[in-house]
Amino acid sequence: MAEREFPDYTVRSGASLEGSRYTAWLAVVPHGHGFPVYYAICENRSFRRQDLAERAAEDALAAVLALEEDGTPVFPEDYTGFTDAAPAE
């Protein structure tokens, strides 16, 4: 699990087992008010290994540019969450 601090929020990355696959997520935790909000990362992708899901979540956390006022992560415009090479056209 990785962690980054933003004004008013702490964002943590992680992975959870859902059935036989792992899902990568970010948790946005407000400082002193409210409850954590969880965001699935790479929703169109699941992982057979926990370490791969955790790595995808850490990479997503590193890609966060900022948080909106309500804590929603802001990613670069073309961010997909995939580190795989794009298919040749």
Protein backbone atom coordinates (compact mmCIF):
# COMPACT_ATOMS: atom_id res chain seq x y z
CA MET A 1 0.00 0.00 0.00
CA ALA A 2 1.27 3.44 -0.94
CA GLU A 3 0.07 6.76 0.43
CA ARG A 4 0.11 10.43 -0.65
CA GLU A 5 -0.96 13.55 1.18
CA PHE A 6 -3.07 16.26 -0.44
CA PRO A 7 -4.65 19.32 1.16
CA ASP A 8 -7.53 18.03 3.33
CA TYR A 9 -7.09 14.39 2.19
CA THR A 10 -4.83 11.34 2.39
CA VAL A 11 -4.99 8.97 -0.58
CA ARG A 12 -4.01 5.32 -0.15
CA SER A 13 -3.65 2.59 -2.76
CA GLY A 14 -4.36 -1.10 -2.34
CA ALA A 15 -5.91 -4.25 -3.72
CA SER A 16 -8.79 -6.44 -2.56
CA LEU A 17 -9.72 -10.00 -3.42
CA GLU A 18 -13.11 -10.21 -5.11
CA GLY A 19 -13.94 -13.83 -5.82
CA SER A 20 -10.84 -15.33 -7.41
CA ARG A 21 -9.43 -12.02 -8.72
CA TYR A 22 -7.94 -8.87 -7.23
CA THR A 23 -9.19 -5.36 -7.85
CA ALA A 24 -6.91 -2.31 -7.57
CA TRP A 25 -8.31 0.70 -5.68
CA LEU A 26 -7.59 4.13 -4.25
CA ALA A 27 -9.08 5.24 -0.93
CA VAL A 28 -9.51 8.98 -0.39
CA VAL A 29 -9.61 9.69 3.36
CA PRO A 30 -10.66 13.18 4.48
CA HIS A 31 -8.71 14.82 7.29
CA GLY A 32 -10.98 15.16 10.32
CA HIS A 33 -14.36 15.00 8.58
CA GLY A 34 -16.42 12.47 6.65
CA PHE A 35 -15.71 8.90 5.60
CA PRO A 36 -13.25 7.34 3.12
CA VAL A 37 -14.34 7.01 -0.50
CA TYR A 38 -13.02 4.11 -2.57
CA TYR A 39 -12.33 4.30 -6.31
CA ALA A 40 -11.74 1.18 -8.41
CA ILE A 41 -8.71 1.50 -10.67
CA CYS A 42 -8.49 -0.28 -14.04
CA GLU A 43 -12.15 -1.30 -13.70
CA ASN A 44 -12.01 -3.19 -16.98
CA ARG A 45 -9.13 -5.28 -15.69
CA SER A 46 -8.78 -7.75 -12.85
CA PHE A 47 -5.62 -9.37 -11.56
CA ARG A 48 -4.82 -12.96 -10.69
CA ARG A 49 -2.00 -11.88 -8.38
CA GLN A 50 -2.27 -9.45 -5.49
CA ASP A 51 1.16 -7.93 -6.11
CA LEU A 52 0.20 -6.96 -9.68
CA ALA A 53 -3.05 -5.34 -8.50
CA GLU A 54 -1.19 -3.46 -5.76
CA ARG A 55 1.37 -2.25 -8.29
CA ALA A 56 -1.39 -0.99 -10.61
CA ALA A 57 -2.95 0.88 -7.68
CA GLU A 58 0.42 2.41 -6.71
CA ASP A 59 0.99 3.50 -10.31
CA ALA A 60 -2.47 5.09 -10.39
CA LEU A 61 -1.75 6.92 -7.14
CA ALA A 62 1.47 8.28 -8.63
CA ALA A 63 -0.48 9.48 -11.70
CA VAL A 64 -2.99 11.54 -9.68
CA LEU A 65 -2.47 15.20 -10.57
CA ALA A 66 -4.71 16.65 -7.86
CA LEU A 67 -7.98 16.12 -6.04
CA GLU A 68 -11.20 17.94 -6.76
CA GLU A 69 -12.81 19.80 -3.87
CA ASP A 70 -14.84 16.70 -2.92
CA GLY A 71 -11.73 14.45 -3.04
CA THR A 72 -12.27 12.93 -6.48
CA PRO A 73 -8.88 12.08 -8.04
CA VAL A 74 -7.88 13.99 -11.17
CA PHE A 75 -5.82 12.02 -13.70
CA PRO A 76 -4.04 13.16 -16.87
CA GLU A 77 -6.49 13.43 -19.78
CA ASP A 78 -5.34 10.31 -21.64
CA TYR A 79 -4.69 8.19 -18.56
CA THR A 80 -5.89 4.59 -18.98
CA GLY A 81 -4.24 2.86 -16.03
CA PHE A 82 -2.53 0.42 -18.37
CA THR A 83 1.23 0.28 -18.69
CA ASP A 84 1.04 -2.14 -21.61
CA ALA A 85 2.18 -0.88 -24.98
CA ALA A 86 -0.59 0.46 -27.19
CA PRO A 87 -1.52 -1.88 -30.06
CA ALA A 88 0.01 -1.03 -33.45
CA GLU A 89 -2.37 0.56 -35.93
